[in-house]
Amino acid sequence: MHHHACLGDGSVAYSLGRIEIMDDATVAQEAYLCTGTHDFESSARELQTGGILIGYSAFVGARAFVLPGIQIGDGAVIGVCSVVTKDIAPHAIAAGNPALVIGRIGDFE
């Protein structure tokens, strides 16, 4: 966690891989950052890990779920209860399951 980064009440940072939360970024209450999964194509179901990066001033909404290997760009906003399965570009607004980009910061002014 970097300067002024925040993990909200009840959030989980399941750190089998590196999790980096940049300056001024917020991970809201009960969000889940998950760096581990399994290879379901294999009968042995081997563990797979991937780091998560939450960019500068990004915001991950309450109860959102971020999968392994994801990068959330600087200033991006993730809506509540979203499931982030792909990288999110800087300043994008993404929501849903799976999370889709629904706008960009500044589009609604």
PDB file of N, CA and C in Angstrom:
ATOM      1  N   MET A   1       0.840  -1.176   0.000  1.00  0.00           N
ATOM      2  CA  MET A   1       0.000   0.000   0.000  1.00  0.00           C
ATOM      3  C   MET A   1       0.882   1.235   0.000  1.00  0.00           C
ATOM      4  N   HIS A   2       0.523   2.179  -0.836  1.00  0.00           N
ATOM      5  CA  HIS A   2       1.275   3.417  -0.954  1.00  0.00           C
ATOM      6  C   HIS A   2       0.587   4.538  -0.166  1.00  0.00           C
ATOM      7  N   HIS A   3       1.142   5.732  -0.253  1.00  0.00           N
ATOM      8  CA  HIS A   3       0.686   6.890   0.508  1.00  0.00           C
ATOM      9  C   HIS A   3      -0.807   7.152   0.288  1.00  0.00           C
ATOM     10  N   HIS A   4      -1.551   7.277   1.385  1.00  0.00           N
ATOM     11  CA  HIS A   4      -2.985   7.557   1.384  1.00  0.00           C
ATOM     12  C   HIS A   4      -3.823   6.480   0.697  1.00  0.00           C
ATOM     13  N   ALA A   5      -3.286   5.288   0.508  1.00  0.00           N
ATOM     14  CA  ALA A   5      -4.086   4.174  -0.015  1.00  0.00           C
ATOM     15  C   ALA A   5      -4.972   3.655   1.116  1.00  0.00           C
ATOM     16  N   CYS A   6      -6.115   3.091   0.743  1.00  0.00           N
ATOM     17  CA  CYS A   6      -7.089   2.687   1.748  1.00  0.00           C
ATOM     18  C   CYS A   6      -7.698   1.340   1.409  1.00  0.00           C
ATOM     19  N   LEU A   7      -7.762   0.462   2.420  1.00  0.00           N
ATOM     20  CA  LEU A   7      -8.529  -0.787   2.347  1.00  0.00           C
ATOM     21  C   LEU A   7      -9.709  -0.613   3.291  1.00  0.00           C
ATOM     22  N   GLY A   8     -10.921  -0.651   2.759  1.00  0.00           N
ATOM     23  CA  GLY A   8     -12.114  -0.426   3.558  1.00  0.00           C
ATOM     24  C   GLY A   8     -12.395  -1.551   4.540  1.00  0.00           C
ATOM     25  N   ASP A   9     -13.284  -1.260   5.458  1.00  0.00           N
ATOM     26  CA  ASP A   9     -13.694  -2.203   6.494  1.00  0.00           C
ATOM     27  C   ASP A   9     -14.210  -3.495   5.860  1.00  0.00           C
ATOM     28  N   GLY A  10     -13.686  -4.616   6.304  1.00  0.00           N
ATOM     29  CA  GLY A  10     -14.137  -5.910   5.828  1.00  0.00           C
ATOM     30  C   GLY A  10     -13.620  -6.310   4.462  1.00  0.00           C
ATOM     31  N   SER A  11     -12.774  -5.497   3.852  1.00  0.00           N
ATOM     32  CA  SER A  11     -12.208  -5.877   2.551  1.00  0.00           C
ATOM     33  C   SER A  11     -11.186  -6.991   2.756  1.00  0.00           C
ATOM     34  N   VAL A  12     -10.929  -7.732   1.689  1.00  0.00           N
ATOM     35  CA  VAL A  12      -9.987  -8.853   1.750  1.00  0.00           C
ATOM     36  C   VAL A  12      -8.933  -8.666   0.668  1.00  0.00           C
ATOM     37  N   ALA A  13      -7.678  -8.788   1.064  1.00  0.00           N
ATOM     38  CA  ALA A  13      -6.562  -8.787   0.120  1.00  0.00           C
ATOM     39  C   ALA A  13      -5.921 -10.174   0.210  1.00  0.00           C
ATOM     40  N   TYR A  14      -6.447 -11.110  -0.572  1.00  0.00           N
ATOM     41  CA  TYR A  14      -5.989 -12.501  -0.563  1.00  0.00           C
ATOM     42  C   TYR A  14      -4.710 -12.564  -1.382  1.00  0.00           C
ATOM     43  N   SER A  15      -3.576 -12.524  -0.678  1.00  0.00           N
ATOM     44  CA  SER A  15      -2.293 -12.219  -1.315  1.00  0.00           C
ATOM     45  C   SER A  15      -1.400 -13.438  -1.547  1.00  0.00           C
ATOM     46  N   LEU A  16      -1.827 -14.316  -2.446  1.00  0.00           N
ATOM     47  CA  LEU A  16      -0.940 -15.383  -2.904  1.00  0.00           C
ATOM     48  C   LEU A  16       0.037 -14.842  -3.934  1.00  0.00           C
ATOM     49  N   GLY A  17      -0.298 -13.705  -4.522  1.00  0.00           N
ATOM     50  CA  GLY A  17       0.554 -12.959  -5.443  1.00  0.00           C
ATOM     51  C   GLY A  17       0.628 -11.531  -4.929  1.00  0.00           C
ATOM     52  N   ARG A  18       1.424 -10.718  -5.582  1.00  0.00           N
ATOM     53  CA  ARG A  18       1.623  -9.331  -5.153  1.00  0.00           C
ATOM     54  C   ARG A  18       0.357  -8.501  -5.389  1.00  0.00           C
ATOM     55  N   ILE A  19      -0.017  -7.738  -4.387  1.00  0.00           N
ATOM     56  CA  ILE A  19      -1.089  -6.750  -4.510  1.00  0.00           C
ATOM     57  C   ILE A  19      -0.465  -5.399  -4.234  1.00  0.00           C
ATOM     58  N   GLU A  20      -0.645  -4.470  -5.172  1.00  0.00           N
ATOM     59  CA  GLU A  20      -0.109  -3.128  -4.989  1.00  0.00           C
ATOM     60  C   GLU A  20      -1.245  -2.129  -5.156  1.00  0.00           C
ATOM     61  N   ILE A  21      -1.420  -1.310  -4.127  1.00  0.00           N
ATOM     62  CA  ILE A  21      -2.449  -0.278  -4.133  1.00  0.00           C
ATOM     63  C   ILE A  21      -1.723   1.057  -4.101  1.00  0.00           C
ATOM     64  N   MET A  22      -1.831   1.796  -5.199  1.00  0.00           N
ATOM     65  CA  MET A  22      -1.037   3.004  -5.387  1.00  0.00           C
ATOM     66  C   MET A  22      -1.590   4.186  -4.580  1.00  0.00           C
ATOM     67  N   ASP A  23      -0.851   5.304  -4.612  1.00  0.00           N
ATOM     68  CA  ASP A  23      -1.218   6.513  -3.867  1.00  0.00           C
ATOM     69  C   ASP A  23      -2.671   6.905  -4.111  1.00  0.00           C
ATOM     70  N   ASP A  24      -3.343   7.280  -3.021  1.00  0.00           N
ATOM     71  CA  ASP A  24      -4.706   7.830  -3.055  1.00  0.00           C
ATOM     72  C   ASP A  24      -5.762   6.873  -3.594  1.00  0.00           C
ATOM     73  N   ALA A  25      -5.434   5.604  -3.779  1.00  0.00           N
ATOM     74  CA  ALA A  25      -6.423   4.630  -4.253  1.00  0.00           C
ATOM     75  C   ALA A  25      -7.250   4.113  -3.080  1.00  0.00           C
ATOM     76  N   THR A  26      -8.497   3.772  -3.376  1.00  0.00           N
ATOM     77  CA  THR A  26      -9.405   3.269  -2.348  1.00  0.00           C
ATOM     78  C   THR A  26      -9.988   1.936  -2.786  1.00  0.00           C
ATOM     79  N   VAL A  27      -9.937   0.974  -1.889  1.00  0.00           N
ATOM     80  CA  VAL A  27     -10.647  -0.288  -2.038  1.00  0.00           C
ATOM     81  C   VAL A  27     -11.718  -0.256  -0.954  1.00  0.00           C
ATOM     82  N   ALA A  28     -12.976  -0.116  -1.365  1.00  0.00           N
ATOM     83  CA  ALA A  28     -14.072   0.119  -0.421  1.00  0.00           C
ATOM     84  C   ALA A  28     -14.412  -1.136   0.400  1.00  0.00           C
ATOM     85  N   GLN A  29     -15.334  -0.946   1.325  1.00  0.00           N
ATOM     86  CA  GLN A  29     -15.699  -2.000   2.266  1.00  0.00           C
ATOM     87  C   GLN A  29     -16.165  -3.272   1.555  1.00  0.00           C
ATOM     88  N   GLU A  30     -15.683  -4.380   2.120  1.00  0.00           N
ATOM     89  CA  GLU A  30     -16.035  -5.738   1.707  1.00  0.00           C
ATOM     90  C   GLU A  30     -15.633  -6.095   0.276  1.00  0.00           C
ATOM     91  N   ALA A  31     -14.804  -5.278  -0.369  1.00  0.00           N
ATOM     92  CA  ALA A  31     -14.270  -5.664  -1.684  1.00  0.00           C
ATOM     93  C   ALA A  31     -13.286  -6.816  -1.483  1.00  0.00           C
ATOM     94  N   TYR A  32     -13.074  -7.597  -2.527  1.00  0.00           N
ATOM     95  CA  TYR A  32     -12.214  -8.781  -2.442  1.00  0.00           C
ATOM     96  C   TYR A  32     -11.197  -8.728  -3.578  1.00  0.00           C
ATOM     97  N   LEU A  33      -9.925  -8.653  -3.211  1.00  0.00           N
ATOM     98  CA  LEU A  33      -8.825  -8.699  -4.175  1.00  0.00           C
ATOM     99  C   LEU A  33      -8.246 -10.109  -4.099  1.00  0.00           C
ATOM    100  N   CYS A  34      -8.410 -10.893  -5.143  1.00  0.00           N
ATOM    101  CA  CYS A  34      -8.052 -12.312  -5.104  1.00  0.00           C
ATOM    102  C   CYS A  34      -6.921 -12.607  -6.082  1.00  0.00           C
ATOM    103  N   THR A  35      -5.765 -13.003  -5.568  1.00  0.00           N
ATOM    104  CA  THR A  35      -4.615 -13.272  -6.430  1.00  0.00           C
ATOM    105  C   THR A  35      -4.411 -14.755  -6.730  1.00  0.00           C
ATOM    106  N   GLY A  36      -5.344 -15.600  -6.305  1.00  0.00           N
ATOM    107  CA  GLY A  36      -5.179 -17.031  -6.550  1.00  0.00           C
ATOM    108  C   GLY A  36      -6.404 -17.664  -7.176  1.00  0.00           C
ATOM    109  N   THR A  37      -6.144 -18.668  -8.001  1.00  0.00           N
ATOM    110  CA  THR A  37      -7.207 -19.476  -8.606  1.00  0.00           C
ATOM    111  C   THR A  37      -6.610 -20.858  -8.872  1.00  0.00           C
ATOM    112  N   HIS A  38      -7.320 -21.662  -9.627  1.00  0.00           N
ATOM    113  CA  HIS A  38      -6.839 -23.005  -9.952  1.00  0.00           C
ATOM    114  C   HIS A  38      -6.993 -23.261 -11.446  1.00  0.00           C
ATOM    115  N   ASP A  39      -6.186 -24.166 -11.963  1.00  0.00           N
ATOM    116  CA  ASP A  39      -6.269 -24.564 -13.372  1.00  0.00           C
ATOM    117  C   ASP A  39      -7.346 -25.634 -13.495  1.00  0.00           C
ATOM    118  N   PHE A  40      -8.533 -25.232 -13.894  1.00  0.00           N
ATOM    119  CA  PHE A  40      -9.660 -26.151 -13.958  1.00  0.00           C
ATOM    120  C   PHE A  40      -9.633 -27.037 -15.196  1.00  0.00           C
ATOM    121  N   GLU A  41      -8.681 -26.803 -16.099  1.00  0.00           N
ATOM    122  CA  GLU A  41      -8.475 -27.691 -17.242  1.00  0.00           C
ATOM    123  C   GLU A  41      -7.662 -28.922 -16.845  1.00  0.00           C
ATOM    124  N   SER A  42      -7.026 -28.851 -15.685  1.00  0.00           N
ATOM    125  CA  SER A  42      -6.162 -29.929 -15.204  1.00  0.00           C
ATOM    126  C   SER A  42      -6.894 -30.740 -14.133  1.00  0.00           C
ATOM    127  N   SER A  43      -6.742 -32.044 -14.171  1.00  0.00           N
ATOM    128  CA  SER A  43      -7.368 -32.888 -13.147  1.00  0.00           C
ATOM    129  C   SER A  43      -6.757 -32.641 -11.768  1.00  0.00           C
ATOM    130  N   ALA A  44      -5.515 -32.139 -11.735  1.00  0.00           N
ATOM    131  CA  ALA A  44      -4.860 -31.844 -10.448  1.00  0.00           C
ATOM    132  C   ALA A  44      -5.262 -30.480  -9.897  1.00  0.00           C
ATOM    133  N   ARG A  45      -5.902 -29.647 -10.720  1.00  0.00           N
ATOM    134  CA  ARG A  45      -6.368 -28.317 -10.303  1.00  0.00           C
ATOM    135  C   ARG A  45      -5.246 -27.493  -9.639  1.00  0.00           C
ATOM    136  N   GLU A  46      -4.094 -27.410 -10.319  1.00  0.00           N
ATOM    137  CA  GLU A  46      -2.937 -26.709  -9.775  1.00  0.00           C
ATOM    138  C   GLU A  46      -3.271 -25.249  -9.468  1.00  0.00           C
ATOM    139  N   LEU A  47      -2.639 -24.762  -8.417  1.00  0.00           N
ATOM    140  CA  LEU A  47      -2.789 -23.367  -8.018  1.00  0.00           C
ATOM    141  C   LEU A  47      -2.160 -22.462  -9.067  1.00  0.00           C
ATOM    142  N   GLN A  48      -2.838 -21.368  -9.402  1.00  0.00           N
ATOM    143  CA  GLN A  48      -2.312 -20.335 -10.276  1.00  0.00           C
ATOM    144  C   GLN A  48      -2.437 -19.008  -9.546  1.00  0.00           C
ATOM    145  N   THR A  49      -1.415 -18.176  -9.657  1.00  0.00           N
ATOM    146  CA  THR A  49      -1.458 -16.879  -8.991  1.00  0.00           C
ATOM    147  C   THR A  49      -1.160 -15.768  -9.988  1.00  0.00           C
ATOM    148  N   GLY A  50      -1.611 -14.583  -9.654  1.00  0.00           N
ATOM    149  CA  GLY A  50      -1.338 -13.411 -10.480  1.00  0.00           C
ATOM    150  C   GLY A  50      -1.531 -12.168  -9.637  1.00  0.00           C
ATOM    151  N   GLY A  51      -0.642 -11.226  -9.774  1.00  0.00           N
ATOM    152  CA  GLY A  51      -0.704 -10.003  -8.982  1.00  0.00           C
ATOM    153  C   GLY A  51      -1.858  -9.095  -9.396  1.00  0.00           C
ATOM    154  N   ILE A  52      -2.169  -8.165  -8.523  1.00  0.00           N
ATOM    155  CA  ILE A  52      -3.204  -7.155  -8.779  1.00  0.00           C
ATOM    156  C   ILE A  52      -2.582  -5.786  -8.550  1.00  0.00           C
ATOM    157  N   LEU A  53      -2.865  -4.853  -9.469  1.00  0.00           N
ATOM    158  CA  LEU A  53      -2.413  -3.470  -9.320  1.00  0.00           C
ATOM    159  C   LEU A  53      -3.629  -2.556  -9.361  1.00  0.00           C
ATOM    160  N   ILE A  54      -3.790  -1.776  -8.310  1.00  0.00           N
ATOM    161  CA  ILE A  54      -4.828  -0.754  -8.257  1.00  0.00           C
ATOM    162  C   ILE A  54      -4.108   0.576  -8.460  1.00  0.00           C
ATOM    163  N   GLY A  55      -4.397   1.280  -9.548  1.00  0.00           N
ATOM    164  CA  GLY A  55      -3.663   2.479  -9.946  1.00  0.00           C
ATOM    165  C   GLY A  55      -3.900   3.684  -9.058  1.00  0.00           C
ATOM    166  N   TYR A  56      -3.106   4.723  -9.289  1.00  0.00           N
ATOM    167  CA  TYR A  56      -3.188   5.974  -8.546  1.00  0.00           C
ATOM    168  C   TYR A  56      -4.620   6.519  -8.589  1.00  0.00           C
ATOM    169  N   SER A  57      -5.148   6.883  -7.441  1.00  0.00           N
ATOM    170  CA  SER A  57      -6.471   7.501  -7.301  1.00  0.00           C
ATOM    171  C   SER A  57      -7.611   6.662  -7.859  1.00  0.00           C
ATOM    172  N   ALA A  58      -7.399   5.378  -8.057  1.00  0.00           N
ATOM    173  CA  ALA A  58      -8.479   4.499  -8.514  1.00  0.00           C
ATOM    174  C   ALA A  58      -9.418   4.213  -7.338  1.00  0.00           C
ATOM    175  N   PHE A  59     -10.627   3.794  -7.662  1.00  0.00           N
ATOM    176  CA  PHE A  59     -11.630   3.484  -6.639  1.00  0.00           C
ATOM    177  C   PHE A  59     -12.294   2.164  -6.994  1.00  0.00           C
ATOM    178  N   VAL A  60     -12.226   1.221  -6.058  1.00  0.00           N
ATOM    179  CA  VAL A  60     -12.880  -0.076  -6.212  1.00  0.00           C
ATOM    180  C   VAL A  60     -14.071  -0.078  -5.266  1.00  0.00           C
ATOM    181  N   GLY A  61     -15.278  -0.168  -5.810  1.00  0.00           N
ATOM    182  CA  GLY A  61     -16.497  -0.057  -5.024  1.00  0.00           C
ATOM    183  C   GLY A  61     -16.737  -1.212  -4.070  1.00  0.00           C
ATOM    184  N   ALA A  62     -17.642  -0.978  -3.145  1.00  0.00           N
ATOM    185  CA  ALA A  62     -17.994  -1.966  -2.122  1.00  0.00           C
ATOM    186  C   ALA A  62     -18.393  -3.291  -2.762  1.00  0.00           C
ATOM    187  N   ARG A  63     -17.906  -4.351  -2.160  1.00  0.00           N
ATOM    188  CA  ARG A  63     -18.208  -5.737  -2.543  1.00  0.00           C
ATOM    189  C   ARG A  63     -17.794  -6.113  -3.958  1.00  0.00           C
ATOM    190  N   ALA A  64     -16.970  -5.305  -4.590  1.00  0.00           N
ATOM    191  CA  ALA A  64     -16.441  -5.688  -5.902  1.00  0.00           C
ATOM    192  C   ALA A  64     -15.458  -6.847  -5.715  1.00  0.00           C
ATOM    193  N   PHE A  65     -15.268  -7.628  -6.763  1.00  0.00           N
ATOM    194  CA  PHE A  65     -14.349  -8.766  -6.745  1.00  0.00           C
ATOM    195  C   PHE A  65     -13.368  -8.573  -7.898  1.00  0.00           C
ATOM    196  N   VAL A  66     -12.063  -8.580  -7.583  1.00  0.00           N
ATOM    197  CA  VAL A  66     -11.016  -8.387  -8.596  1.00  0.00           C
ATOM    198  C   VAL A  66     -10.235  -9.693  -8.716  1.00  0.00           C
ATOM    199  N   LEU A  67     -10.208 -10.255  -9.924  1.00  0.00           N
ATOM    200  CA  LEU A  67      -9.548 -11.526 -10.176  1.00  0.00           C
ATOM    201  C   LEU A  67      -8.030 -11.388 -10.287  1.00  0.00           C
ATOM    202  N   PRO A  68      -7.306 -12.529 -10.210  1.00  0.00           N
ATOM    203  CA  PRO A  68      -5.847 -12.510 -10.316  1.00  0.00           C
ATOM    204  C   PRO A  68      -5.370 -11.918 -11.643  1.00  0.00           C
ATOM    205  N   GLY A  69      -4.246 -11.221 -11.587  1.00  0.00           N
ATOM    206  CA  GLY A  69      -3.588 -10.705 -12.779  1.00  0.00           C
ATOM    207  C   GLY A  69      -4.178  -9.418 -13.329  1.00  0.00           C
ATOM    208  N   ILE A  70      -5.087  -8.789 -12.603  1.00  0.00           N
ATOM    209  CA  ILE A  70      -5.803  -7.606 -13.097  1.00  0.00           C
ATOM    210  C   ILE A  70      -5.058  -6.322 -12.743  1.00  0.00           C
ATOM    211  N   GLN A  71      -5.088  -5.365 -13.688  1.00  0.00           N
ATOM    212  CA  GLN A  71      -4.600  -4.011 -13.445  1.00  0.00           C
ATOM    213  C   GLN A  71      -5.758  -3.052 -13.630  1.00  0.00           C
ATOM    214  N   ILE A  72      -5.997  -2.250 -12.615  1.00  0.00           N
ATOM    215  CA  ILE A  72      -7.012  -1.211 -12.677  1.00  0.00           C
ATOM    216  C   ILE A  72      -6.261   0.101 -12.831  1.00  0.00           C
ATOM    217  N   GLY A  73      -6.510   0.799 -13.926  1.00  0.00           N
ATOM    218  CA  GLY A  73      -5.740   1.975 -14.289  1.00  0.00           C
ATOM    219  C   GLY A  73      -5.925   3.157 -13.354  1.00  0.00           C
ATOM    220  N   ASP A  74      -5.005   4.092 -13.449  1.00  0.00           N
ATOM    221  CA  ASP A  74      -5.039   5.313 -12.643  1.00  0.00           C
ATOM    222  C   ASP A  74      -6.392   6.014 -12.808  1.00  0.00           C
ATOM    223  N   GLY A  75      -6.990   6.402 -11.708  1.00  0.00           N
ATOM    224  CA  GLY A  75      -8.224   7.167 -11.733  1.00  0.00           C
ATOM    225  C   GLY A  75      -9.461   6.406 -12.157  1.00  0.00           C
ATOM    226  N   ALA A  76      -9.355   5.101 -12.393  1.00  0.00           N
ATOM    227  CA  ALA A  76     -10.520   4.309 -12.795  1.00  0.00           C
ATOM    228  C   ALA A  76     -11.464   4.115 -11.613  1.00  0.00           C
ATOM    229  N   VAL A  77     -12.732   3.870 -11.921  1.00  0.00           N
ATOM    230  CA  VAL A  77     -13.748   3.616 -10.903  1.00  0.00           C
ATOM    231  C   VAL A  77     -14.430   2.288 -11.223  1.00  0.00           C
ATOM    232  N   ILE A  78     -14.494   1.426 -10.221  1.00  0.00           N
ATOM    233  CA  ILE A  78     -15.167   0.131 -10.348  1.00  0.00           C
ATOM    234  C   ILE A  78     -16.445   0.198  -9.519  1.00  0.00           C
ATOM    235  N   GLY A  79     -17.572  -0.094 -10.147  1.00  0.00           N
ATOM    236  CA  GLY A  79     -18.859  -0.017  -9.468  1.00  0.00           C
ATOM    237  C   GLY A  79     -19.038  -1.079  -8.392  1.00  0.00           C
ATOM    238  N   VAL A  80     -19.967  -0.807  -7.489  1.00  0.00           N
ATOM    239  CA  VAL A  80     -20.254  -1.743  -6.403  1.00  0.00           C
ATOM    240  C   VAL A  80     -20.670  -3.101  -6.966  1.00  0.00           C
ATOM    241  N   CYS A  81     -20.249  -4.149  -6.281  1.00  0.00           N
ATOM    242  CA  CYS A  81     -20.594  -5.545  -6.597  1.00  0.00           C
ATOM    243  C   CYS A  81     -20.130  -5.997  -7.977  1.00  0.00           C
ATOM    244  N   SER A  82     -19.216  -5.287  -8.601  1.00  0.00           N
ATOM    245  CA  SER A  82     -18.711  -5.669  -9.925  1.00  0.00           C
ATOM    246  C   SER A  82     -17.704  -6.801  -9.802  1.00  0.00           C
ATOM    247  N   VAL A  83     -17.574  -7.578 -10.875  1.00  0.00           N
ATOM    248  CA  VAL A  83     -16.581  -8.645 -10.951  1.00  0.00           C
ATOM    249  C   VAL A  83     -15.619  -8.276 -12.078  1.00  0.00           C
ATOM    250  N   VAL A  84     -14.379  -7.940 -11.698  1.00  0.00           N
ATOM    251  CA  VAL A  84     -13.400  -7.446 -12.666  1.00  0.00           C
ATOM    252  C   VAL A  84     -12.597  -8.630 -13.194  1.00  0.00           C
ATOM    253  N   THR A  85     -12.851  -8.969 -14.467  1.00  0.00           N
ATOM    254  CA  THR A  85     -12.220 -10.123 -15.102  1.00  0.00           C
ATOM    255  C   THR A  85     -11.162  -9.731 -16.129  1.00  0.00           C
ATOM    256  N   LYS A  86     -11.111  -8.431 -16.483  1.00  0.00           N
ATOM    257  CA  LYS A  86     -10.141  -7.923 -17.467  1.00  0.00           C
ATOM    258  C   LYS A  86      -9.579  -6.601 -16.957  1.00  0.00           C
ATOM    259  N   ASP A  87      -8.394  -6.242 -17.442  1.00  0.00           N
ATOM    260  CA  ASP A  87      -7.793  -4.962 -17.064  1.00  0.00           C
ATOM    261  C   ASP A  87      -8.749  -3.821 -17.389  1.00  0.00           C
ATOM    262  N   ILE A  88      -8.701  -2.787 -16.549  1.00  0.00           N
ATOM    263  CA  ILE A  88      -9.528  -1.598 -16.741  1.00  0.00           C
ATOM    264  C   ILE A  88      -8.599  -0.423 -17.038  1.00  0.00           C
ATOM    265  N   ALA A  89      -8.881   0.286 -18.120  1.00  0.00           N
ATOM    266  CA  ALA A  89      -8.037   1.397 -18.564  1.00  0.00           C
ATOM    267  C   ALA A  89      -8.098   2.571 -17.591  1.00  0.00           C
ATOM    268  N   PRO A  90      -7.064   3.412 -17.600  1.00  0.00           N
ATOM    269  CA  PRO A  90      -7.088   4.612 -16.763  1.00  0.00           C
ATOM    270  C   PRO A  90      -8.344   5.459 -17.031  1.00  0.00           C
ATOM    271  N   HIS A  91      -8.909   5.978 -15.963  1.00  0.00           N
ATOM    272  CA  HIS A  91     -10.056   6.905 -15.986  1.00  0.00           C
ATOM    273  C   HIS A  91     -11.338   6.293 -16.537  1.00  0.00           C
ATOM    274  N   ALA A  92     -11.374   4.966 -16.685  1.00  0.00           N
ATOM    275  CA  ALA A  92     -12.596   4.296 -17.128  1.00  0.00           C
ATOM    276  C   ALA A  92     -13.519   4.080 -15.925  1.00  0.00           C
ATOM    277  N   ILE A  93     -14.795   4.007 -16.197  1.00  0.00           N
ATOM    278  CA  ILE A  93     -15.801   3.628 -15.201  1.00  0.00           C
ATOM    279  C   ILE A  93     -16.322   2.273 -15.648  1.00  0.00           C
ATOM    280  N   ALA A  94     -16.201   1.271 -14.796  1.00  0.00           N
ATOM    281  CA  ALA A  94     -16.616  -0.084 -15.146  1.00  0.00           C
ATOM    282  C   ALA A  94     -17.561  -0.618 -14.077  1.00  0.00           C
ATOM    283  N   ALA A  95     -18.554  -1.402 -14.521  1.00  0.00           N
ATOM    284  CA  ALA A  95     -19.521  -1.965 -13.586  1.00  0.00           C
ATOM    285  C   ALA A  95     -20.110  -3.233 -14.175  1.00  0.00           C
ATOM    286  N   GLY A  96     -20.617  -4.081 -13.300  1.00  0.00           N
ATOM    287  CA  GLY A  96     -21.346  -5.275 -13.712  1.00  0.00           C
ATOM    288  C   GLY A  96     -20.576  -6.556 -13.484  1.00  0.00           C
ATOM    289  N   ASN A  97     -21.201  -7.661 -13.924  1.00  0.00           N
ATOM    290  CA  ASN A  97     -20.625  -8.993 -13.799  1.00  0.00           C
ATOM    291  C   ASN A  97     -20.815  -9.717 -15.128  1.00  0.00           C
ATOM    292  N   PRO A  98     -19.727  -9.779 -15.929  1.00  0.00           N
ATOM    293  CA  PRO A  98     -18.399  -9.214 -15.686  1.00  0.00           C
ATOM    294  C   PRO A  98     -18.412  -7.695 -15.868  1.00  0.00           C
ATOM    295  N   ALA A  99     -17.460  -7.041 -15.225  1.00  0.00           N
ATOM    296  CA  ALA A  99     -17.376  -5.578 -15.311  1.00  0.00           C
ATOM    297  C   ALA A  99     -17.089  -5.151 -16.742  1.00  0.00           C
ATOM    298  N   LEU A 100     -17.890  -4.220 -17.224  1.00  0.00           N
ATOM    299  CA  LEU A 100     -17.708  -3.641 -18.551  1.00  0.00           C
ATOM    300  C   LEU A 100     -17.549  -2.136 -18.410  1.00  0.00           C
ATOM    301  N   VAL A 101     -16.770  -1.538 -19.281  1.00  0.00           N
ATOM    302  CA  VAL A 101     -16.594  -0.091 -19.244  1.00  0.00           C
ATOM    303  C   VAL A 101     -17.905   0.556 -19.701  1.00  0.00           C
ATOM    304  N   ILE A 102     -18.447   1.433 -18.840  1.00  0.00           N
ATOM    305  CA  ILE A 102     -19.712   2.098 -19.143  1.00  0.00           C
ATOM    306  C   ILE A 102     -19.522   3.596 -19.366  1.00  0.00           C
ATOM    307  N   GLY A 103     -18.292   4.075 -19.193  1.00  0.00           N
ATOM    308  CA  GLY A 103     -18.010   5.487 -19.409  1.00  0.00           C
ATOM    309  C   GLY A 103     -16.589   5.801 -19.010  1.00  0.00           C
ATOM    310  N   ARG A 104     -16.299   7.090 -19.034  1.00  0.00           N
ATOM    311  CA  ARG A 104     -14.992   7.583 -18.613  1.00  0.00           C
ATOM    312  C   ARG A 104     -15.216   8.748 -17.666  1.00  0.00           C
ATOM    313  N   ILE A 105     -14.295   8.946 -16.754  1.00  0.00           N
ATOM    314  CA  ILE A 105     -14.376  10.090 -15.852  1.00  0.00           C
ATOM    315  C   ILE A 105     -14.474  11.343 -16.703  1.00  0.00           C
ATOM    316  N   GLY A 106     -15.430  12.197 -16.415  1.00  0.00           N
ATOM    317  CA  GLY A 106     -15.638  13.423 -17.167  1.00  0.00           C
ATOM    318  C   GLY A 106     -16.772  13.323 -18.168  1.00  0.00           C
ATOM    319  N   ASP A 107     -17.198  12.087 -18.533  1.00  0.00           N
ATOM    320  CA  ASP A 107     -18.272  11.924 -19.516  1.00  0.00           C
ATOM    321  C   ASP A 107     -19.620  12.442 -19.001  1.00  0.00           C
ATOM    322  N   PHE A 108     -19.776  12.517 -17.683  1.00  0.00           N
ATOM    323  CA  PHE A 108     -21.091  12.819 -17.113  1.00  0.00           C
ATOM    324  C   PHE A 108     -21.194  14.224 -16.573  1.00  0.00           C
ATOM    325  N   GLU A 109     -20.234  15.076 -16.909  1.00  0.00           N
ATOM    326  CA  GLU A 109     -20.252  16.457 -16.403  1.00  0.00           C
ATOM    327  C   GLU A 109     -21.077  17.343 -17.301  1.00  0.00           C
TER     328      GLU A 109
END
